[in-house]
Amino acid sequence: MDEKAGEKNCFHCKHFYITWDEFFPKGCKALGFKSREAPSAVVQRSSGMECQMFEHKKEHGKA
């Protein structure tokens, strides 16, 4: 997923995870679902709004 102005990038979100499900490899712990595409794209398409659960991951080595 390309990061456009104002678009949430799931790879930078602390709730995003890679699943073991080959058919639904991307997941969101906050919203409790898995999908084939980035969860933020599913949220955008379903609700017409950007993901409201997005939270930046903490960078390693920084407090």
Foldseek 3Di string as FASTA:
>chain_A
DDDDVPADDLVFFPQWDADPDPQFGIDGNVVPDTHPDHPQVVCCVVPVDGDPRGDGDDDPPDD
